[in-house]
Protein backbone atom coordinates (compact mmCIF):
# COMPACT_ATOMS: atom_id res chain seq x y z
CA MET A 1 136.76 98.52 62.59
CA VAL A 2 135.04 95.09 61.97
CA TYR A 3 135.51 94.68 65.91
CA PHE A 4 132.89 97.91 66.45
CA PHE A 5 131.03 96.95 63.98
CA GLN A 6 130.53 93.54 65.77
CA ARG A 7 130.94 94.89 69.06
CA TYR A 8 127.94 97.35 67.93
CA LEU A 9 125.31 94.38 66.21
CA PHE A 10 125.91 92.30 69.45
CA LEU A 11 125.18 95.20 72.15
CA ALA A 12 122.47 96.21 70.22
CA ILE A 13 120.94 92.63 69.61
CA CYS A 14 121.20 92.24 73.47
CA GLU A 15 119.60 95.94 73.66
CA LYS A 16 116.49 94.62 72.09
CA ILE A 17 116.41 91.34 73.45
CA GLY A 18 116.78 93.25 77.32
CA ARG A 19 113.74 95.44 75.65
CA LEU A 20 112.10 91.69 74.32
CA LYS A 21 112.40 91.02 77.99
CA VAL A 22 111.44 93.64 79.83
CA PHE A 23 108.61 93.90 77.47
CA LEU A 24 107.37 90.31 77.95
CA SER A 25 108.16 90.43 81.62
CA GLY A 26 105.91 93.31 82.02
CA PHE A 27 103.39 91.70 79.50
CA LYS A 28 103.69 89.05 82.21
CA GLN A 29 102.01 90.78 84.92
CA ILE A 30 99.72 92.75 83.22
CA ILE A 31 98.51 88.97 82.51
CA MET A 32 99.08 87.51 86.12
CA THR A 33 97.02 90.78 87.62
CA GLU A 34 93.91 90.64 85.35
CA THR A 35 94.25 86.82 86.15
CA VAL A 36 94.39 87.49 90.55
CA PHE A 37 91.43 90.15 89.47
CA SER A 38 89.30 87.32 87.61
CA ALA A 39 89.34 85.10 90.20
CA GLN A 40 88.74 87.82 92.69
CA ILE A 41 85.92 88.73 91.67
CA LEU A 42 84.79 84.76 90.55
CA ILE A 43 85.44 84.16 94.72
CA LEU A 44 83.72 86.75 96.11
CA LEU A 45 80.34 85.84 93.42
CA TYR A 46 80.66 82.62 94.64
CA VAL A 47 80.59 83.29 97.86
CA ILE A 48 77.72 85.52 97.48
CA ILE A 49 75.28 83.13 95.44
CA THR A 50 76.14 80.20 98.32
CA PHE A 51 75.69 82.04 101.06
CA GLY A 52 72.70 83.63 99.50
CA TYR A 53 71.22 81.28 98.54
CA SER A 54 71.42 79.15 101.94
CA ALA A 55 70.04 82.41 103.46
CA ILE A 56 67.29 82.86 101.45
CA GLU A 57 66.06 79.15 102.13
CA LYS A 58 66.59 78.47 105.03
CA LEU A 59 64.25 82.19 105.67
CA TRP A 60 62.01 80.72 102.90
CA LEU A 61 61.33 77.03 104.48
CA LYS A 62 62.47 78.20 108.60
CA LYS A 63 59.91 75.08 109.75
CA GLU A 64 60.93 72.95 107.58
CA THR A 65 64.84 73.51 108.91
CA LEU A 66 64.28 73.82 112.23
CA VAL A 67 63.14 70.35 111.62
CA PHE A 68 65.34 69.32 110.17
CA TYR A 69 68.47 70.82 112.49
CA LYS A 70 66.49 69.65 115.50
CA ASN A 71 66.41 65.62 114.00
CA HIS A 72 70.02 66.23 113.02
CA PHE A 73 70.96 67.18 116.40
CA LYS A 74 69.10 65.19 118.15
CA GLU A 75 71.59 63.73 119.94
CA THR A 76 73.93 66.36 121.30
CA PHE A 77 73.79 69.55 123.67
CA LEU A 78 72.67 71.73 120.95
CA LYS A 79 68.99 70.31 120.61
CA ASN A 80 67.51 72.89 122.42
CA ARG A 81 69.13 75.48 120.83
CA MET A 82 68.81 75.48 117.52
CA PRO A 83 66.32 78.16 116.93
CA PHE A 84 69.13 80.91 118.31
CA LEU A 85 71.81 78.10 116.46
CA ILE A 86 69.65 79.03 113.26
CA ASN A 87 68.95 82.08 113.78
CA LEU A 88 72.38 82.95 113.98
CA VAL A 89 73.40 81.45 110.60
CA ILE A 90 71.12 83.21 109.07
CA LEU A 91 72.45 86.59 110.61
CA LEU A 92 76.33 85.44 109.80
CA GLU A 93 74.94 84.95 105.74
CA ILE A 94 73.44 87.94 105.74
CA ALA A 95 76.35 89.95 106.78
CA THR A 96 78.44 87.63 104.72
CA VAL A 97 76.14 88.14 101.40
CA ILE A 98 76.31 92.14 102.23
CA ILE A 99 79.76 92.49 103.07
CA CYS A 100 81.70 91.02 99.83
CA ILE A 101 78.69 92.59 97.66
CA ALA A 102 80.11 95.52 99.02
CA GLY A 103 83.53 94.00 99.11
CA LEU A 104 82.92 93.79 95.39
CA PHE A 105 81.51 96.88 94.15
CA TYR A 106 84.51 98.74 96.13
CA TRP A 107 86.74 95.71 94.07
CA LEU A 108 85.75 96.86 90.31
CA VAL A 109 85.17 100.23 91.02
CA PHE A 110 87.93 101.50 93.25
CA ARG A 111 90.86 98.77 93.13
CA GLU A 112 90.58 98.21 97.15
CA ASN A 113 90.22 94.87 97.84
CA ASN A 114 89.83 95.65 102.49
CA ILE A 115 85.96 95.11 102.50
CA GLY A 116 86.24 91.51 99.97
CA PHE A 117 88.58 90.58 102.28
CA TYR A 118 86.70 91.09 105.17
CA GLY A 119 83.45 89.53 104.01
CA LEU A 120 85.56 86.00 102.79
CA VAL A 121 87.22 86.13 106.85
CA LEU A 122 83.34 86.14 107.67
CA ALA A 123 82.64 83.41 104.94
CA SER A 124 85.80 81.47 107.14
CA LEU A 125 84.87 82.17 109.95
CA THR A 126 81.67 80.88 109.24
CA LEU A 127 82.23 77.75 107.91
CA ILE A 128 84.09 77.20 110.61
CA ALA A 129 81.62 77.77 112.62
CA LEU A 130 79.14 75.18 110.27
CA MET A 131 82.14 72.67 110.54
CA ILE A 132 82.33 72.34 114.28
CA GLY A 133 78.26 71.58 114.33
CA GLN A 134 79.05 69.59 111.90
CA ARG A 135 81.15 67.22 114.27
CA ILE A 136 79.89 67.96 116.74
CA ALA A 137 76.39 65.72 115.38
CA LYS A 138 79.06 62.97 113.62
CA ASP A 139 78.31 64.30 110.13
CA TYR A 140 82.31 63.71 108.79
CA ALA A 141 80.61 63.48 105.10
CA GLY A 142 78.82 66.81 105.78
CA ALA A 143 82.35 68.25 107.93
CA MET A 144 84.20 67.38 104.39
CA HIS A 145 81.76 69.10 102.17
CA ILE A 146 82.40 72.03 104.71
CA THR A 147 86.11 72.03 103.55
CA VAL A 148 85.76 72.70 100.29
CA TYR A 149 83.90 75.70 100.63
CA PHE A 150 86.83 76.29 103.33
CA ILE A 151 89.55 75.86 101.34
CA LEU A 152 88.32 77.94 98.59
CA THR A 153 87.46 81.20 100.91
CA VAL A 154 90.83 80.59 102.36
CA PHE A 155 92.05 80.87 99.02
CA GLY A 156 90.50 83.78 98.66
CA VAL A 157 91.88 85.79 101.67
CA PHE A 158 95.01 84.81 99.62
CA LEU A 159 94.40 86.44 97.15
CA PHE A 160 92.82 89.98 99.37
CA GLN A 161 96.10 89.97 101.14
């Protein structure tokens, strides 16, 4: 009888510990899932603000921007293509912002992450184009700064997969 009681008590304790482990692992899953959701939202907001401000600044200060970039690329083969390239960068930044805003909306409302994923991929491609331009201009410090943004967007792409 004592053996039966000890065995029953041991199994009951093991079952309780097992339930606690399942509960804790489920709780950890919820916390990790919400953390990923928060990181995705914050990365999208960061990209929206960064690219949005950059596009608005280039549009408002169009002449100053053109003068700055012509001077920046004066010793490269891109110097005569600056108006086209600036408009292309503005277009890419605006497209990125629009897609990321749509992605943020779909993520918050429907938990659908495809649009946010494509927005971050476009942001990454835009940053690669900007980094190539900085390397052509031999502005290695500027290219390094763009790399920091690129790492964040690639991490966002990873989170959205």
